[in-house]
Amino acid sequence: MTDLSTLGNWDGYWVAATGPPCTLTMTGEPVVNITRTSTAGWNMVGSTATEIPFEGHLTSEPEGIIRGSIYTYDPPATRAYTIPVANMPGCGYWISAATDGDIVLE
């Protein structure tokens, strides 16, 4: 990928760089609260502009559709999927939903 002109709010993007340094420049208004339409199964989601703990801030409509843990990929530290405690700007996450609905982070 050499160019992507529009990123969706809370859409997840997998970017593989061929080597350092890799710089991604994004412009626009910071996203603080997000509602993301999800489908049953795994959903890749992006992040907000600020750190937000998942506990107490991540909900769904209908209630209870989020299954299990949230995962992120941590290549620098572990080169494995890990369970994050908070939404971090610039990171992406995998969230499993039992049914179609909305995932909300506020």
C-alpha atoms as a PDB file:
ATOM      1  CA  MET A   1       0.000   0.000   0.000  1.00  0.00           C
ATOM      2  CA  THR A   2       1.416   3.351  -0.924  1.00  0.00           C
ATOM      3  CA  ASP A   3      -1.584   5.587  -0.350  1.00  0.00           C
ATOM      4  CA  LEU A   4      -4.841   5.497   1.549  1.00  0.00           C
ATOM      5  CA  SER A   5      -6.655   8.784   1.496  1.00  0.00           C
ATOM      6  CA  THR A   6      -9.497   8.069   3.950  1.00  0.00           C
ATOM      7  CA  LEU A   7      -9.518   6.065   7.181  1.00  0.00           C
ATOM      8  CA  GLY A   8     -12.781   5.101   8.844  1.00  0.00           C
ATOM      9  CA  ASN A   9     -13.352   5.877  12.518  1.00  0.00           C
ATOM     10  CA  TRP A  10     -12.544   2.804  14.575  1.00  0.00           C
ATOM     11  CA  ASP A  11     -11.811   0.700  11.508  1.00  0.00           C
ATOM     12  CA  GLY A  12      -8.747  -1.463  12.022  1.00  0.00           C
ATOM     13  CA  TYR A  13      -5.902  -1.506   9.506  1.00  0.00           C
ATOM     14  CA  TRP A  14      -3.090  -4.060   9.367  1.00  0.00           C
ATOM     15  CA  VAL A  15       0.093  -2.345   8.175  1.00  0.00           C
ATOM     16  CA  ALA A  16       3.207  -4.413   7.546  1.00  0.00           C
ATOM     17  CA  ALA A  17       6.358  -2.366   7.107  1.00  0.00           C
ATOM     18  CA  THR A  18       9.289  -3.900   5.237  1.00  0.00           C
ATOM     19  CA  GLY A  19      11.797  -2.292   7.571  1.00  0.00           C
ATOM     20  CA  PRO A  20      12.467   0.688   9.788  1.00  0.00           C
ATOM     21  CA  PRO A  21      11.847   3.522   9.692  1.00  0.00           C
ATOM     22  CA  CYS A  22       8.147   3.524   8.945  1.00  0.00           C
ATOM     23  CA  THR A  23       6.193   6.748   9.323  1.00  0.00           C
ATOM     24  CA  LEU A  24       2.428   6.999   8.990  1.00  0.00           C
ATOM     25  CA  THR A  25       1.003  10.514   8.961  1.00  0.00           C
ATOM     26  CA  MET A  26      -2.673  11.060   9.727  1.00  0.00           C
ATOM     27  CA  THR A  27      -4.607  14.303   9.782  1.00  0.00           C
ATOM     28  CA  GLY A  28      -8.117  15.192  10.867  1.00  0.00           C
ATOM     29  CA  GLU A  29     -10.164  15.625  14.003  1.00  0.00           C
ATOM     30  CA  PRO A  30      -9.272  13.459  17.016  1.00  0.00           C
ATOM     31  CA  VAL A  31     -11.747  10.659  17.711  1.00  0.00           C
ATOM     32  CA  VAL A  32     -12.694  10.339  21.391  1.00  0.00           C
ATOM     33  CA  ASN A  33     -15.893   8.232  21.589  1.00  0.00           C
ATOM     34  CA  ILE A  34     -16.774   5.600  19.027  1.00  0.00           C
ATOM     35  CA  THR A  35     -19.648   3.334  18.089  1.00  0.00           C
ATOM     36  CA  ARG A  36     -18.634   0.638  15.613  1.00  0.00           C
ATOM     37  CA  THR A  37     -21.060  -1.661  13.820  1.00  0.00           C
ATOM     38  CA  SER A  38     -19.844  -5.225  14.258  1.00  0.00           C
ATOM     39  CA  THR A  39     -20.745  -8.576  12.763  1.00  0.00           C
ATOM     40  CA  ALA A  40     -20.926 -11.946  14.467  1.00  0.00           C
ATOM     41  CA  GLY A  41     -17.372 -13.308  14.760  1.00  0.00           C
ATOM     42  CA  TRP A  42     -14.059 -11.488  14.920  1.00  0.00           C
ATOM     43  CA  ASN A  43     -13.961  -7.746  14.227  1.00  0.00           C
ATOM     44  CA  MET A  44     -10.773  -5.726  13.707  1.00  0.00           C
ATOM     45  CA  VAL A  45     -11.177  -2.271  15.239  1.00  0.00           C
ATOM     46  CA  GLY A  46      -8.936   0.758  15.531  1.00  0.00           C
ATOM     47  CA  SER A  47      -8.384   3.147  18.408  1.00  0.00           C
ATOM     48  CA  THR A  48      -9.365   6.552  19.720  1.00  0.00           C
ATOM     49  CA  ALA A  49      -7.078   9.586  20.051  1.00  0.00           C
ATOM     50  CA  THR A  50      -6.683   9.121  23.805  1.00  0.00           C
ATOM     51  CA  GLU A  51      -5.929   6.210  26.122  1.00  0.00           C
ATOM     52  CA  ILE A  52      -9.161   4.742  27.518  1.00  0.00           C
ATOM     53  CA  PRO A  53      -9.316   1.707  29.829  1.00  0.00           C
ATOM     54  CA  PHE A  54     -11.500  -1.022  28.325  1.00  0.00           C
ATOM     55  CA  GLU A  55     -12.994  -1.967  31.692  1.00  0.00           C
ATOM     56  CA  GLY A  56     -16.031   0.202  32.357  1.00  0.00           C
ATOM     57  CA  HIS A  57     -15.778   1.976  28.988  1.00  0.00           C
ATOM     58  CA  LEU A  58     -16.372  -0.780  26.421  1.00  0.00           C
ATOM     59  CA  THR A  59     -20.008  -1.777  25.968  1.00  0.00           C
ATOM     60  CA  SER A  60     -22.216  -3.225  23.261  1.00  0.00           C
ATOM     61  CA  GLU A  61     -25.723  -2.920  21.854  1.00  0.00           C
ATOM     62  CA  PRO A  62     -27.316  -5.349  22.317  1.00  0.00           C
ATOM     63  CA  GLU A  63     -25.687  -5.762  25.705  1.00  0.00           C
ATOM     64  CA  GLY A  64     -23.374  -8.711  26.206  1.00  0.00           C
ATOM     65  CA  ILE A  65     -22.392  -9.517  22.614  1.00  0.00           C
ATOM     66  CA  ILE A  66     -18.644  -9.107  23.250  1.00  0.00           C
ATOM     67  CA  ARG A  67     -17.214 -12.610  23.764  1.00  0.00           C
ATOM     68  CA  GLY A  68     -14.044 -13.348  25.690  1.00  0.00           C
ATOM     69  CA  SER A  69     -10.973 -11.164  25.694  1.00  0.00           C
ATOM     70  CA  ILE A  70      -9.882  -8.334  23.428  1.00  0.00           C
ATOM     71  CA  TYR A  71      -6.582  -8.959  21.626  1.00  0.00           C
ATOM     72  CA  THR A  72      -3.864  -6.804  20.093  1.00  0.00           C
ATOM     73  CA  TYR A  73      -0.699  -7.808  18.248  1.00  0.00           C
ATOM     74  CA  ASP A  74       2.521  -6.722  19.952  1.00  0.00           C
ATOM     75  CA  PRO A  75       5.395  -7.290  17.516  1.00  0.00           C
ATOM     76  CA  PRO A  76       8.124  -5.251  19.278  1.00  0.00           C
ATOM     77  CA  ALA A  77       7.745  -6.900  22.681  1.00  0.00           C
ATOM     78  CA  THR A  78       6.360 -10.403  22.215  1.00  0.00           C
ATOM     79  CA  ARG A  79       5.639 -10.999  18.516  1.00  0.00           C
ATOM     80  CA  ALA A  80       2.355 -12.454  19.729  1.00  0.00           C
ATOM     81  CA  TYR A  81      -1.224 -11.515  20.475  1.00  0.00           C
ATOM     82  CA  THR A  82      -1.688 -10.018  23.939  1.00  0.00           C
ATOM     83  CA  ILE A  83      -4.661  -8.938  26.046  1.00  0.00           C
ATOM     84  CA  PRO A  84      -4.573  -5.145  26.479  1.00  0.00           C
ATOM     85  CA  VAL A  85      -6.075  -3.324  29.460  1.00  0.00           C
ATOM     86  CA  ALA A  86      -6.636  -0.044  27.602  1.00  0.00           C
ATOM     87  CA  ASN A  87      -7.265   1.425  24.179  1.00  0.00           C
ATOM     88  CA  MET A  88      -4.021   3.076  23.023  1.00  0.00           C
ATOM     89  CA  PRO A  89      -3.869   5.638  20.199  1.00  0.00           C
ATOM     90  CA  GLY A  90      -2.574   4.124  16.984  1.00  0.00           C
ATOM     91  CA  CYS A  91      -3.212   0.508  17.994  1.00  0.00           C
ATOM     92  CA  GLY A  92      -5.640  -2.018  16.582  1.00  0.00           C
ATOM     93  CA  TYR A  93      -7.698  -4.675  18.323  1.00  0.00           C
ATOM     94  CA  TRP A  94      -9.546  -7.915  17.624  1.00  0.00           C
ATOM     95  CA  ILE A  95     -12.946  -8.163  19.333  1.00  0.00           C
ATOM     96  CA  SER A  96     -15.218 -11.204  19.042  1.00  0.00           C
ATOM     97  CA  ALA A  97     -18.967 -10.564  18.874  1.00  0.00           C
ATOM     98  CA  ALA A  98     -21.618 -13.250  19.473  1.00  0.00           C
ATOM     99  CA  THR A  99     -24.087 -11.522  17.119  1.00  0.00           C
ATOM    100  CA  ASP A 100     -24.303  -8.473  14.872  1.00  0.00           C
ATOM    101  CA  GLY A 101     -24.596  -5.208  16.783  1.00  0.00           C
ATOM    102  CA  ASP A 102     -22.632  -2.171  17.907  1.00  0.00           C
ATOM    103  CA  ILE A 103     -19.429  -2.010  19.946  1.00  0.00           C
ATOM    104  CA  VAL A 104     -19.129   1.232  21.907  1.00  0.00           C
ATOM    105  CA  LEU A 105     -16.039   2.790  23.498  1.00  0.00           C
ATOM    106  CA  GLU A 106     -16.633   5.942  25.535  1.00  0.00           C
END
